[in-house]
């Protein structure tokens, strides 16, 4: 079964378009396939960067300690509202 394709419209400066066309030609693929390849290579990295947090061991240990010691903090109304929105969204 062939997946349905959707259209994306984009405007580029002429020199950018020519460069992309040349690169696609050198790769033996269409401009559409070339642009799709670029998105498939870059988008996962961008999404990962914005959706993951990397902590050092010390930062993680501090985080766990604070989470385990409920008496050490009071959640603000903003945090409670954000948590409620995340719960509604299924996170």
Protein backbone atom coordinates (compact mmCIF):
# COMPACT_ATOMS: atom_id res chain seq x y z
CA UNK A 1 0.00 0.00 0.00
CA UNK A 2 1.40 3.40 -0.96
CA UNK A 3 1.34 6.06 1.74
CA UNK A 4 -0.59 9.21 0.92
CA UNK A 5 1.66 12.18 0.29
CA UNK A 6 0.97 15.70 1.45
CA UNK A 7 2.09 18.91 -0.18
CA UNK A 8 4.39 21.44 1.44
CA UNK A 9 4.90 24.79 -0.23
CA UNK A 10 8.08 26.72 0.39
CA UNK A 11 9.75 29.75 -1.14
CA UNK A 12 13.52 29.90 -1.44
CA UNK A 13 15.96 32.45 -2.71
CA UNK A 14 16.91 31.53 -6.30
CA UNK A 15 20.49 30.63 -5.34
CA UNK A 16 19.28 28.33 -2.54
CA UNK A 17 16.88 26.60 -4.93
CA UNK A 18 19.61 26.14 -7.54
CA UNK A 19 21.98 24.72 -4.92
CA UNK A 20 19.34 22.25 -3.71
CA UNK A 21 18.53 21.21 -7.28
CA UNK A 22 22.22 20.62 -8.03
CA UNK A 23 22.69 18.59 -4.85
CA UNK A 24 19.62 16.49 -5.65
CA UNK A 25 20.89 15.90 -9.18
CA UNK A 26 24.32 14.84 -7.90
CA UNK A 27 22.61 12.38 -5.56
CA UNK A 28 20.48 11.05 -8.41
CA UNK A 29 17.20 11.92 -6.71
CA UNK A 30 14.41 14.42 -7.19
CA UNK A 31 14.38 17.75 -5.42
CA UNK A 32 11.37 16.53 -3.42
CA UNK A 33 13.22 13.41 -2.31
CA UNK A 34 16.32 15.45 -1.49
CA UNK A 35 14.38 17.86 0.72
CA UNK A 36 12.53 14.97 2.38
CA UNK A 37 15.89 13.29 3.07
CA UNK A 38 17.20 16.46 4.73
CA UNK A 39 14.11 16.74 6.92
CA UNK A 40 14.28 13.06 7.90
CA UNK A 41 17.94 13.45 8.86
CA UNK A 42 17.62 16.73 10.79
CA UNK A 43 14.16 16.72 12.36
CA UNK A 44 14.75 13.76 14.72
CA UNK A 45 17.89 15.42 16.10
CA UNK A 46 16.07 18.72 16.61
CA UNK A 47 13.10 17.04 18.26
CA UNK A 48 15.36 14.99 20.52
CA UNK A 49 17.30 18.10 21.55
CA UNK A 50 14.11 19.92 22.55
CA UNK A 51 12.41 16.95 24.23
CA UNK A 52 15.19 15.48 26.34
CA UNK A 53 17.11 16.75 29.33
CA UNK A 54 20.61 15.50 30.03
CA UNK A 55 21.73 15.63 33.63
CA UNK A 56 25.05 14.88 35.25
CA UNK A 57 25.04 12.20 37.94
CA UNK A 58 25.17 14.90 40.62
CA UNK A 59 22.25 16.81 39.08
CA UNK A 60 20.22 13.61 38.89
CA UNK A 61 21.01 12.71 42.50
CA UNK A 62 19.94 16.21 43.61
CA UNK A 63 16.74 15.91 41.59
CA UNK A 64 15.87 12.54 43.14
CA UNK A 65 16.62 13.86 46.62
CA UNK A 66 14.28 16.82 46.15
CA UNK A 67 11.56 14.58 44.72
CA UNK A 68 11.79 12.20 47.65
CA UNK A 69 11.66 15.00 50.23
CA UNK A 70 8.15 16.37 49.64
CA UNK A 71 8.41 18.67 52.66
CA UNK A 72 11.28 20.58 51.02
CA UNK A 73 9.14 22.32 48.42
CA UNK A 74 5.74 23.79 47.71
CA UNK A 75 4.43 23.62 44.15
CA UNK A 76 3.41 26.95 42.67
CA UNK A 77 -0.03 27.40 41.11
CA UNK A 78 1.65 27.68 37.70
CA UNK A 79 3.36 24.32 38.13
CA UNK A 80 0.12 22.72 39.30
CA UNK A 81 -1.72 24.13 36.26
CA UNK A 82 1.04 22.93 33.90
CA UNK A 83 0.92 19.44 35.45
CA UNK A 84 -2.85 19.39 35.07
CA UNK A 85 -2.56 20.31 31.36
CA UNK A 86 0.02 17.57 30.84
CA UNK A 87 -2.25 15.05 32.56
CA UNK A 88 -5.13 16.05 30.27
CA UNK A 89 -2.85 15.64 27.24
CA UNK A 90 -1.90 12.13 28.35
CA UNK A 91 1.67 12.74 29.46
